[in-house]
N, C-alpha and C. Protein backbone atom coordinates (compact mmCIF):
# COMPACT_ATOMS: atom_id res chain seq x y z
N UNK A 1 81.47 225.21 -48.57
CA UNK A 1 81.63 226.28 -47.61
C UNK A 1 80.71 226.06 -46.40
N UNK A 2 79.45 225.72 -46.71
CA UNK A 2 78.47 225.47 -45.64
C UNK A 2 78.90 224.26 -44.81
N UNK A 3 79.44 223.24 -45.46
CA UNK A 3 79.88 222.04 -44.77
C UNK A 3 81.05 222.36 -43.85
N UNK A 4 81.99 223.17 -44.31
CA UNK A 4 83.15 223.54 -43.48
C UNK A 4 82.68 224.29 -42.24
N UNK A 5 81.72 225.23 -42.41
CA UNK A 5 81.19 225.99 -41.28
C UNK A 5 80.54 225.05 -40.26
N UNK A 6 79.73 224.11 -40.75
CA UNK A 6 79.05 223.17 -39.86
C UNK A 6 80.04 222.29 -39.12
N UNK A 7 81.12 221.88 -39.81
CA UNK A 7 82.15 221.06 -39.16
C UNK A 7 82.85 221.85 -38.06
N UNK A 8 83.13 223.12 -38.32
CA UNK A 8 83.78 223.97 -37.30
C UNK A 8 82.85 224.16 -36.10
N UNK A 9 81.58 224.38 -36.36
CA UNK A 9 80.61 224.55 -35.27
C UNK A 9 80.48 223.27 -34.46
N UNK A 10 80.46 222.12 -35.12
CA UNK A 10 80.38 220.84 -34.42
C UNK A 10 81.61 220.64 -33.53
N UNK A 11 82.78 221.02 -34.04
CA UNK A 11 84.01 220.91 -33.25
C UNK A 11 83.97 221.82 -32.03
N UNK A 12 83.48 223.05 -32.21
CA UNK A 12 83.37 223.99 -31.10
C UNK A 12 82.38 223.47 -30.05
N UNK A 13 81.25 222.92 -30.51
CA UNK A 13 80.26 222.37 -29.60
C UNK A 13 80.84 221.18 -28.82
N UNK A 14 81.57 220.33 -29.50
CA UNK A 14 82.20 219.18 -28.84
C UNK A 14 83.18 219.65 -27.77
N UNK A 15 83.95 220.70 -28.07
CA UNK A 15 84.89 221.25 -27.09
C UNK A 15 84.16 221.78 -25.88
N UNK A 16 83.09 222.53 -26.09
CA UNK A 16 82.29 223.07 -24.98
C UNK A 16 81.73 221.94 -24.12
N UNK A 17 81.18 220.94 -24.77
CA UNK A 17 80.60 219.82 -24.02
C UNK A 17 81.66 219.07 -23.22
N UNK A 18 82.88 219.01 -23.71
CA UNK A 18 83.94 218.32 -22.98
C UNK A 18 84.31 219.05 -21.70
N UNK A 19 83.98 220.33 -21.61
CA UNK A 19 84.30 221.11 -20.42
C UNK A 19 83.22 221.01 -19.35
N UNK A 20 82.03 220.50 -19.70
CA UNK A 20 80.93 220.40 -18.75
C UNK A 20 81.04 219.14 -17.91
N UNK A 21 80.64 219.23 -16.61
CA UNK A 21 80.64 218.00 -15.79
C UNK A 21 79.50 217.10 -16.24
N UNK A 22 79.81 215.86 -16.60
CA UNK A 22 78.79 214.93 -17.08
C UNK A 22 78.61 213.80 -16.08
N UNK A 23 77.38 213.29 -16.00
CA UNK A 23 77.15 212.13 -15.15
C UNK A 23 77.51 210.87 -15.94
N UNK A 24 77.28 209.72 -15.39
CA UNK A 24 77.65 208.46 -16.04
C UNK A 24 76.90 208.18 -17.33
N UNK A 25 75.85 208.94 -17.64
CA UNK A 25 75.06 208.70 -18.83
C UNK A 25 75.28 209.78 -19.90
N UNK A 26 76.32 210.60 -19.75
CA UNK A 26 76.60 211.62 -20.74
C UNK A 26 75.73 212.85 -20.63
N UNK A 27 75.00 212.99 -19.51
CA UNK A 27 74.15 214.16 -19.31
C UNK A 27 74.91 215.19 -18.48
N UNK A 28 74.52 216.48 -18.62
CA UNK A 28 75.15 217.53 -17.84
C UNK A 28 74.93 217.24 -16.37
N UNK A 29 76.00 217.28 -15.59
CA UNK A 29 75.93 216.94 -14.16
C UNK A 29 75.04 217.88 -13.38
N UNK A 30 74.50 217.35 -12.29
CA UNK A 30 73.59 218.09 -11.43
C UNK A 30 74.25 219.31 -10.80
N UNK A 31 75.55 219.25 -10.49
CA UNK A 31 76.24 220.37 -9.83
C UNK A 31 76.15 221.64 -10.66
N UNK A 32 76.28 221.52 -11.97
CA UNK A 32 76.20 222.70 -12.83
C UNK A 32 74.80 223.30 -12.79
N UNK A 33 73.79 222.43 -12.84
CA UNK A 33 72.41 222.92 -12.81
C UNK A 33 72.12 223.61 -11.49
N UNK A 34 72.55 223.01 -10.37
CA UNK A 34 72.29 223.61 -9.06
C UNK A 34 73.01 224.94 -8.89
N UNK A 35 74.27 225.00 -9.30
CA UNK A 35 75.02 226.24 -9.07
C UNK A 35 74.48 227.38 -9.92
N UNK A 36 73.94 227.09 -11.08
CA UNK A 36 73.43 228.18 -11.91
C UNK A 36 72.05 228.64 -11.45
N UNK A 37 71.31 227.76 -10.75
CA UNK A 37 69.97 228.14 -10.33
C UNK A 37 69.89 228.56 -8.86
N UNK A 38 70.97 228.37 -8.10
CA UNK A 38 70.95 228.71 -6.68
C UNK A 38 70.85 230.22 -6.49
N UNK A 39 69.99 230.62 -5.57
CA UNK A 39 69.87 232.03 -5.25
C UNK A 39 70.96 232.43 -4.29
N UNK A 40 71.47 233.62 -4.46
CA UNK A 40 72.52 234.13 -3.58
C UNK A 40 71.86 234.84 -2.40
N UNK A 41 72.08 234.31 -1.22
CA UNK A 41 71.49 234.84 0.01
C UNK A 41 72.14 236.18 0.37
N UNK A 42 71.34 237.15 0.73
CA UNK A 42 71.83 238.46 1.14
C UNK A 42 72.35 238.36 2.58
N UNK A 43 73.55 238.90 2.84
CA UNK A 43 74.21 238.70 4.13
C UNK A 43 73.42 239.32 5.29
N UNK A 44 72.90 240.52 5.12
CA UNK A 44 72.15 241.17 6.20
C UNK A 44 70.95 240.34 6.64
N UNK A 45 70.20 239.80 5.70
CA UNK A 45 69.04 238.97 6.03
C UNK A 45 69.49 237.68 6.72
N UNK A 46 70.61 237.13 6.26
CA UNK A 46 71.16 235.92 6.89
C UNK A 46 71.52 236.19 8.35
N UNK A 47 72.25 237.27 8.62
CA UNK A 47 72.68 237.58 10.00
C UNK A 47 71.48 237.80 10.90
N UNK A 48 70.47 238.47 10.39
CA UNK A 48 69.27 238.72 11.20
C UNK A 48 68.61 237.40 11.62
N UNK A 49 68.47 236.49 10.68
CA UNK A 49 67.87 235.19 10.99
C UNK A 49 68.82 234.35 11.85
N UNK A 50 70.12 234.41 11.55
CA UNK A 50 71.14 233.64 12.27
C UNK A 50 71.15 233.99 13.76
N UNK A 51 71.01 235.27 14.08
CA UNK A 51 71.10 235.71 15.48
C UNK A 51 69.75 235.69 16.20
N UNK A 52 68.69 235.30 15.50
CA UNK A 52 67.38 235.29 16.15
C UNK A 52 66.72 233.91 16.16
N UNK A 53 67.46 232.87 15.74
CA UNK A 53 66.91 231.52 15.75
C UNK A 53 68.02 230.51 16.03
N UNK A 54 67.92 229.86 17.18
CA UNK A 54 68.93 228.85 17.53
C UNK A 54 68.92 227.70 16.53
N UNK A 55 67.74 227.25 16.15
CA UNK A 55 67.65 226.13 15.20
C UNK A 55 68.32 226.49 13.88
N UNK A 56 68.05 227.67 13.37
CA UNK A 56 68.66 228.12 12.12
C UNK A 56 70.17 228.26 12.28
N UNK A 57 70.60 228.83 13.39
CA UNK A 57 72.03 229.05 13.62
C UNK A 57 72.80 227.73 13.57
N UNK A 58 72.27 226.71 14.22
CA UNK A 58 72.96 225.42 14.22
C UNK A 58 73.11 224.85 12.80
N UNK A 59 72.15 225.14 11.91
CA UNK A 59 72.23 224.61 10.55
C UNK A 59 73.23 225.37 9.69
N UNK A 60 73.67 226.55 10.16
CA UNK A 60 74.55 227.38 9.35
C UNK A 60 75.96 227.51 9.90
N UNK A 61 76.36 226.58 10.75
CA UNK A 61 77.74 226.52 11.22
C UNK A 61 78.30 225.19 10.73
N UNK A 62 79.44 225.25 10.03
CA UNK A 62 80.08 224.06 9.47
C UNK A 62 80.97 223.42 10.54
N UNK A 63 80.39 222.43 11.25
CA UNK A 63 81.11 221.72 12.30
C UNK A 63 81.84 220.52 11.74
N UNK A 64 82.99 220.17 12.30
CA UNK A 64 83.76 220.98 13.23
C UNK A 64 84.37 222.17 12.50
N UNK A 65 84.56 223.26 13.24
CA UNK A 65 85.12 224.46 12.64
C UNK A 65 86.57 224.22 12.21
N UNK A 66 87.06 225.08 11.31
CA UNK A 66 88.42 224.93 10.76
C UNK A 66 89.48 224.88 11.86
N UNK A 67 89.38 225.80 12.80
CA UNK A 67 90.41 225.92 13.84
C UNK A 67 89.93 225.24 15.11
N UNK A 68 90.71 224.29 15.64
CA UNK A 68 90.32 223.64 16.89
C UNK A 68 90.51 224.58 18.08
N UNK A 69 89.96 224.18 19.19
CA UNK A 69 90.19 224.89 20.45
C UNK A 69 91.53 224.39 20.99
N UNK A 70 92.45 225.31 21.26
CA UNK A 70 93.77 224.93 21.76
C UNK A 70 93.93 225.51 23.16
N UNK A 71 94.17 224.61 24.12
CA UNK A 71 94.30 225.01 25.52
C UNK A 71 95.61 224.45 26.08
N UNK A 72 96.05 225.05 27.17
CA UNK A 72 97.28 224.62 27.82
C UNK A 72 96.94 223.66 28.95
N UNK A 73 97.60 222.51 28.96
CA UNK A 73 97.40 221.53 30.02
C UNK A 73 98.30 221.86 31.20
N UNK A 74 98.06 221.18 32.32
CA UNK A 74 98.86 221.40 33.53
C UNK A 74 100.35 221.19 33.29
N UNK A 75 100.68 220.24 32.41
CA UNK A 75 102.10 219.95 32.13
C UNK A 75 102.70 220.91 31.09
N UNK A 76 101.99 222.00 30.81
CA UNK A 76 102.45 223.06 29.88
C UNK A 76 102.46 222.64 28.41
N UNK A 77 101.80 221.54 28.08
CA UNK A 77 101.68 221.14 26.68
C UNK A 77 100.34 221.66 26.13
N UNK A 78 100.32 221.89 24.82
CA UNK A 78 99.08 222.34 24.19
C UNK A 78 98.21 221.14 23.86
N UNK A 79 96.94 221.28 24.13
CA UNK A 79 95.98 220.23 23.80
C UNK A 79 94.95 220.83 22.86
N UNK A 80 94.65 220.10 21.78
CA UNK A 80 93.66 220.55 20.80
C UNK A 80 92.37 219.75 20.95
N UNK A 81 91.27 220.47 20.81
CA UNK A 81 89.94 219.86 20.88
C UNK A 81 89.15 220.35 19.67
N UNK A 82 88.46 219.47 18.96
CA UNK A 82 87.68 219.94 17.82
C UNK A 82 86.57 220.88 18.30
N UNK A 83 86.35 221.95 17.54
CA UNK A 83 85.30 222.91 17.88
C UNK A 83 84.01 222.37 17.26
N UNK A 84 83.25 221.65 18.07
CA UNK A 84 82.06 220.94 17.61
C UNK A 84 80.79 221.64 18.09
N UNK A 85 79.67 221.11 17.66
CA UNK A 85 78.35 221.70 17.95
C UNK A 85 78.11 221.87 19.44
N UNK A 86 78.49 220.89 20.25
CA UNK A 86 78.21 220.98 21.69
C UNK A 86 79.04 222.07 22.37
N UNK A 87 80.08 222.56 21.71
CA UNK A 87 80.90 223.64 22.29
C UNK A 87 80.50 225.02 21.75
N UNK A 88 79.61 225.06 20.77
CA UNK A 88 79.25 226.31 20.10
C UNK A 88 78.42 227.22 21.01
N UNK A 89 78.88 228.46 21.26
CA UNK A 89 78.07 229.42 22.00
C UNK A 89 77.17 230.18 21.02
N UNK A 90 75.87 230.05 21.16
CA UNK A 90 74.95 230.73 20.25
C UNK A 90 75.19 232.25 20.29
N UNK A 91 75.19 232.87 19.12
CA UNK A 91 75.49 234.30 19.00
C UNK A 91 74.21 235.09 18.78
N UNK A 92 74.03 236.13 19.59
CA UNK A 92 72.86 236.99 19.40
C UNK A 92 73.24 238.25 18.62
N UNK A 93 72.24 239.06 18.32
CA UNK A 93 72.46 240.26 17.53
C UNK A 93 73.40 241.25 18.18
N UNK A 94 73.42 241.33 19.49
CA UNK A 94 74.33 242.25 20.19
C UNK A 94 75.78 241.86 19.99
N UNK A 95 76.04 240.56 19.95
CA UNK A 95 77.42 240.09 19.79
C UNK A 95 77.99 240.43 18.42
N UNK A 96 77.12 240.49 17.41
CA UNK A 96 77.58 240.76 16.04
C UNK A 96 77.26 242.18 15.59
N UNK A 97 77.11 243.07 16.55
CA UNK A 97 76.82 244.46 16.24
C UNK A 97 78.12 245.25 16.16
N UNK A 98 78.28 245.98 15.06
CA UNK A 98 79.48 246.81 14.89
C UNK A 98 79.33 248.07 15.74
N UNK A 99 80.31 248.30 16.62
CA UNK A 99 80.28 249.48 17.48
C UNK A 99 81.66 249.74 18.06
N UNK A 100 81.79 250.88 18.67
CA UNK A 100 83.05 251.28 19.32
C UNK A 100 82.65 252.11 20.53
N UNK A 101 83.17 251.75 21.70
CA UNK A 101 82.87 252.57 22.89
C UNK A 101 84.04 252.54 23.86
N UNK A 102 84.14 253.62 24.60
CA UNK A 102 85.20 253.77 25.59
C UNK A 102 84.61 253.56 26.97
N UNK A 103 85.24 252.69 27.75
CA UNK A 103 84.77 252.43 29.10
C UNK A 103 85.31 253.49 30.05
N UNK A 104 84.80 253.49 31.27
CA UNK A 104 85.20 254.49 32.27
C UNK A 104 86.70 254.48 32.52
N UNK A 105 87.32 253.31 32.46
CA UNK A 105 88.76 253.22 32.72
C UNK A 105 89.61 253.61 31.50
N UNK A 106 88.93 254.01 30.40
CA UNK A 106 89.64 254.46 29.20
C UNK A 106 89.86 253.37 28.17
N UNK A 107 89.56 252.12 28.51
CA UNK A 107 89.73 251.03 27.55
C UNK A 107 88.71 251.18 26.42
N UNK A 108 89.14 250.93 25.20
CA UNK A 108 88.26 251.07 24.03
C UNK A 108 87.92 249.68 23.50
N UNK A 109 86.61 249.41 23.44
CA UNK A 109 86.11 248.14 22.92
C UNK A 109 85.60 248.37 21.50
N UNK A 110 86.06 247.55 20.57
CA UNK A 110 85.70 247.71 19.17
C UNK A 110 85.14 246.39 18.65
N UNK A 111 84.02 246.46 17.95
CA UNK A 111 83.47 245.29 17.27
C UNK A 111 83.10 245.73 15.85
N UNK A 112 83.63 244.97 14.87
CA UNK A 112 83.43 245.39 13.48
C UNK A 112 83.80 244.25 12.53
N UNK A 113 83.42 244.43 11.27
CA UNK A 113 83.85 243.52 10.23
C UNK A 113 85.22 243.96 9.76
N UNK A 114 86.20 243.10 9.96
CA UNK A 114 87.57 243.41 9.54
C UNK A 114 87.82 242.96 8.11
N UNK A 115 86.95 242.12 7.59
CA UNK A 115 86.98 241.71 6.19
C UNK A 115 85.55 241.69 5.70
N UNK A 116 85.29 242.40 4.61
CA UNK A 116 83.92 242.52 4.10
C UNK A 116 83.94 242.35 2.59
N UNK A 117 84.09 241.11 2.15
CA UNK A 117 84.12 240.79 0.73
C UNK A 117 82.79 240.16 0.33
N UNK A 118 82.48 240.13 -0.96
CA UNK A 118 81.19 239.57 -1.40
C UNK A 118 80.97 238.11 -1.00
N UNK A 119 82.03 237.31 -0.91
CA UNK A 119 81.89 235.88 -0.60
C UNK A 119 82.44 235.49 0.76
N UNK A 120 83.05 236.44 1.47
CA UNK A 120 83.69 236.13 2.76
C UNK A 120 83.67 237.35 3.66
N UNK A 121 83.34 237.15 4.92
CA UNK A 121 83.31 238.23 5.89
C UNK A 121 83.90 237.73 7.20
N UNK A 122 84.61 238.62 7.89
CA UNK A 122 85.19 238.28 9.19
C UNK A 122 84.79 239.37 10.17
N UNK A 123 84.16 238.96 11.27
CA UNK A 123 83.75 239.88 12.33
C UNK A 123 84.66 239.66 13.53
N UNK A 124 85.17 240.77 14.09
CA UNK A 124 86.02 240.68 15.28
C UNK A 124 85.53 241.66 16.34
N UNK A 125 85.67 241.25 17.60
CA UNK A 125 85.30 242.11 18.72
C UNK A 125 86.32 241.93 19.83
N UNK A 126 86.69 243.03 20.46
CA UNK A 126 87.63 242.98 21.56
C UNK A 126 88.19 244.35 21.87
N UNK A 127 89.06 244.42 22.85
CA UNK A 127 89.66 245.68 23.24
C UNK A 127 90.79 246.05 22.29
N UNK A 128 90.88 247.32 21.99
CA UNK A 128 91.97 247.80 21.14
C UNK A 128 93.31 247.40 21.74
N UNK A 129 94.27 247.19 20.89
CA UNK A 129 95.63 246.84 21.29
C UNK A 129 95.72 245.48 21.98
N UNK A 130 94.72 244.63 21.78
CA UNK A 130 94.81 243.27 22.33
C UNK A 130 94.17 242.30 21.34
N UNK A 131 94.32 241.03 21.62
CA UNK A 131 93.72 240.00 20.76
C UNK A 131 92.20 240.07 20.86
N UNK A 132 91.50 239.73 19.78
CA UNK A 132 90.03 239.77 19.84
C UNK A 132 89.47 238.73 20.82
N UNK A 133 88.33 239.08 21.41
CA UNK A 133 87.60 238.14 22.27
C UNK A 133 86.71 237.24 21.43
N UNK A 134 86.37 237.75 20.24
CA UNK A 134 85.49 237.02 19.34
C UNK A 134 85.94 237.26 17.91
N UNK A 135 86.04 236.20 17.15
CA UNK A 135 86.36 236.29 15.72
C UNK A 135 85.52 235.24 15.02
N UNK A 136 84.66 235.69 14.10
CA UNK A 136 83.76 234.78 13.40
C UNK A 136 83.97 234.95 11.90
N UNK A 137 84.23 233.84 11.21
CA UNK A 137 84.41 233.86 9.75
C UNK A 137 83.18 233.31 9.08
N UNK A 138 82.65 234.09 8.13
CA UNK A 138 81.49 233.68 7.34
C UNK A 138 81.94 233.49 5.89
N UNK A 139 81.39 232.48 5.23
CA UNK A 139 81.65 232.27 3.81
C UNK A 139 80.35 231.92 3.11
N UNK A 140 80.21 232.46 1.89
CA UNK A 140 79.08 232.05 1.06
C UNK A 140 79.54 230.79 0.32
N UNK A 141 78.77 229.72 0.48
CA UNK A 141 79.12 228.43 -0.11
C UNK A 141 78.53 228.30 -1.52
N UNK A 142 78.82 227.20 -2.18
CA UNK A 142 78.38 226.97 -3.56
C UNK A 142 76.86 226.99 -3.69
N UNK A 143 76.14 226.68 -2.60
CA UNK A 143 74.68 226.71 -2.66
C UNK A 143 74.11 228.12 -2.57
N UNK A 144 75.01 229.14 -2.48
CA UNK A 144 74.57 230.54 -2.43
C UNK A 144 74.24 231.01 -1.02
N UNK A 145 74.38 230.14 -0.01
CA UNK A 145 74.02 230.47 1.37
C UNK A 145 75.27 230.76 2.20
N UNK A 146 75.07 231.56 3.24
CA UNK A 146 76.16 231.93 4.15
C UNK A 146 76.27 230.91 5.28
N UNK A 147 77.52 230.64 5.68
CA UNK A 147 77.81 229.72 6.78
C UNK A 147 78.96 230.26 7.61
N UNK A 148 78.98 229.90 8.90
CA UNK A 148 80.15 230.16 9.74
C UNK A 148 81.09 228.99 9.48
N UNK A 149 82.34 229.30 9.15
CA UNK A 149 83.31 228.25 8.86
C UNK A 149 84.43 228.20 9.89
N UNK A 150 84.56 229.28 10.69
CA UNK A 150 85.59 229.29 11.71
C UNK A 150 85.21 230.30 12.79
N UNK A 151 85.74 230.09 13.99
CA UNK A 151 85.42 230.99 15.10
C UNK A 151 86.48 230.87 16.19
N UNK A 152 86.77 232.00 16.80
CA UNK A 152 87.53 232.04 18.04
C UNK A 152 86.64 232.77 19.02
N UNK A 153 86.48 232.23 20.19
CA UNK A 153 85.68 232.89 21.21
C UNK A 153 86.41 232.85 22.55
N UNK A 154 86.26 233.92 23.31
CA UNK A 154 86.88 234.01 24.62
C UNK A 154 86.43 232.92 25.58
N UNK A 155 85.31 232.27 25.29
CA UNK A 155 84.87 231.15 26.12
C UNK A 155 85.98 230.10 26.21
N UNK A 156 86.70 229.93 25.12
CA UNK A 156 87.74 228.91 25.04
C UNK A 156 89.09 229.54 24.73
N UNK A 157 89.39 230.64 25.40
CA UNK A 157 90.66 231.32 25.19
C UNK A 157 91.82 230.51 25.71
N UNK A 158 93.02 230.83 25.23
CA UNK A 158 94.23 230.08 25.58
C UNK A 158 94.50 230.11 27.08
N UNK A 159 93.94 231.13 27.77
CA UNK A 159 94.15 231.21 29.21
C UNK A 159 93.26 230.24 29.99
N UNK A 160 92.33 229.57 29.32
CA UNK A 160 91.50 228.56 29.97
C UNK A 160 92.31 227.27 30.08
N UNK A 161 92.53 226.77 31.29
CA UNK A 161 93.26 225.51 31.42
C UNK A 161 92.48 224.36 30.77
N UNK A 162 93.18 223.46 30.11
CA UNK A 162 92.54 222.33 29.42
C UNK A 162 91.66 221.54 30.38
N UNK A 163 92.06 221.45 31.63
CA UNK A 163 91.30 220.69 32.63
C UNK A 163 89.95 221.33 32.95
N UNK A 164 89.77 222.59 32.59
CA UNK A 164 88.51 223.28 32.87
C UNK A 164 87.60 223.39 31.65
N UNK A 165 87.96 222.72 30.56
CA UNK A 165 87.16 222.78 29.34
C UNK A 165 85.72 222.33 29.57
N UNK A 166 85.54 221.21 30.26
CA UNK A 166 84.18 220.70 30.48
C UNK A 166 83.32 221.69 31.26
N UNK A 167 83.90 222.39 32.23
CA UNK A 167 83.15 223.41 32.97
C UNK A 167 82.74 224.54 32.04
N UNK A 168 83.64 224.95 31.16
CA UNK A 168 83.33 226.01 30.20
C UNK A 168 82.24 225.56 29.25
N UNK A 169 82.31 224.33 28.78
CA UNK A 169 81.28 223.79 27.88
C UNK A 169 79.93 223.77 28.59
N UNK A 170 79.92 223.41 29.86
CA UNK A 170 78.67 223.40 30.63
C UNK A 170 78.10 224.82 30.76
N UNK A 171 78.96 225.80 30.98
CA UNK A 171 78.50 227.20 31.04
C UNK A 171 77.92 227.64 29.70
N UNK A 172 78.56 227.25 28.62
CA UNK A 172 78.05 227.57 27.28
C UNK A 172 76.69 226.92 27.08
N UNK A 173 76.55 225.67 27.50
CA UNK A 173 75.27 224.96 27.40
C UNK A 173 74.16 225.72 28.13
N UNK A 174 74.46 226.20 29.33
CA UNK A 174 73.46 226.95 30.11
C UNK A 174 73.07 228.24 29.40
N UNK A 175 74.07 228.96 28.88
CA UNK A 175 73.80 230.19 28.12
C UNK A 175 72.96 229.88 26.88
N UNK A 176 73.29 228.79 26.20
CA UNK A 176 72.54 228.41 25.00
C UNK A 176 71.09 228.08 25.32
N UNK A 177 70.85 227.43 26.46
CA UNK A 177 69.46 227.13 26.84
C UNK A 177 68.66 228.42 27.04
N UNK A 178 69.27 229.41 27.66
CA UNK A 178 68.60 230.71 27.83
C UNK A 178 68.33 231.36 26.47
N UNK A 179 69.29 231.26 25.56
CA UNK A 179 69.11 231.81 24.21
C UNK A 179 67.95 231.11 23.50
N UNK A 180 67.91 229.77 23.60
CA UNK A 180 66.86 228.99 22.94
C UNK A 180 65.47 229.35 23.43
N UNK A 181 65.36 229.68 24.73
CA UNK A 181 64.05 230.08 25.26
C UNK A 181 63.56 231.37 24.59
N UNK A 182 64.47 232.29 24.35
CA UNK A 182 64.11 233.55 23.70
C UNK A 182 64.02 233.44 22.19
N UNK A 183 64.89 232.62 21.61
CA UNK A 183 65.01 232.52 20.15
C UNK A 183 65.05 231.07 19.71
N UNK A 184 63.91 230.37 19.76
CA UNK A 184 63.93 228.95 19.38
C UNK A 184 64.37 228.82 17.95
């Protein structure tokens, strides 16, 4: 009876071990150890640091972003450009602040999280009844940290002619330099 129990337990243990990621030497893989010990970063603390440090912000954007910049060329064809680090407009706390206000002309500007899940968040800002001027997607990765994985910004809106992309990138660079002076 004792032998049968031990054989069943050995079989169960073998099954469990077969489900674990192993390295080339039969040891439990590093990925399992890292994922179980990684601390889960709190989103509010992440956003505060993200919007107050240019250096930190650059480390938490997954370049190139999922969605490329798509612009219309003079010949009416669409041109795609990868959304890379040199095109990234640094985001400050005001840009990611949830609010709603009505302007003098009656237009309503809304900025808010349109998706607020434990592992994924989407922030959008723009005028009601129109496309957003800003859309930023955040995801918590396997390391437990938050990252920007996609973005749409009015800097590179579809109404920007493809031939003017370099001028827009230069304007973003100038804005980023001002941000870096305040928030290295």
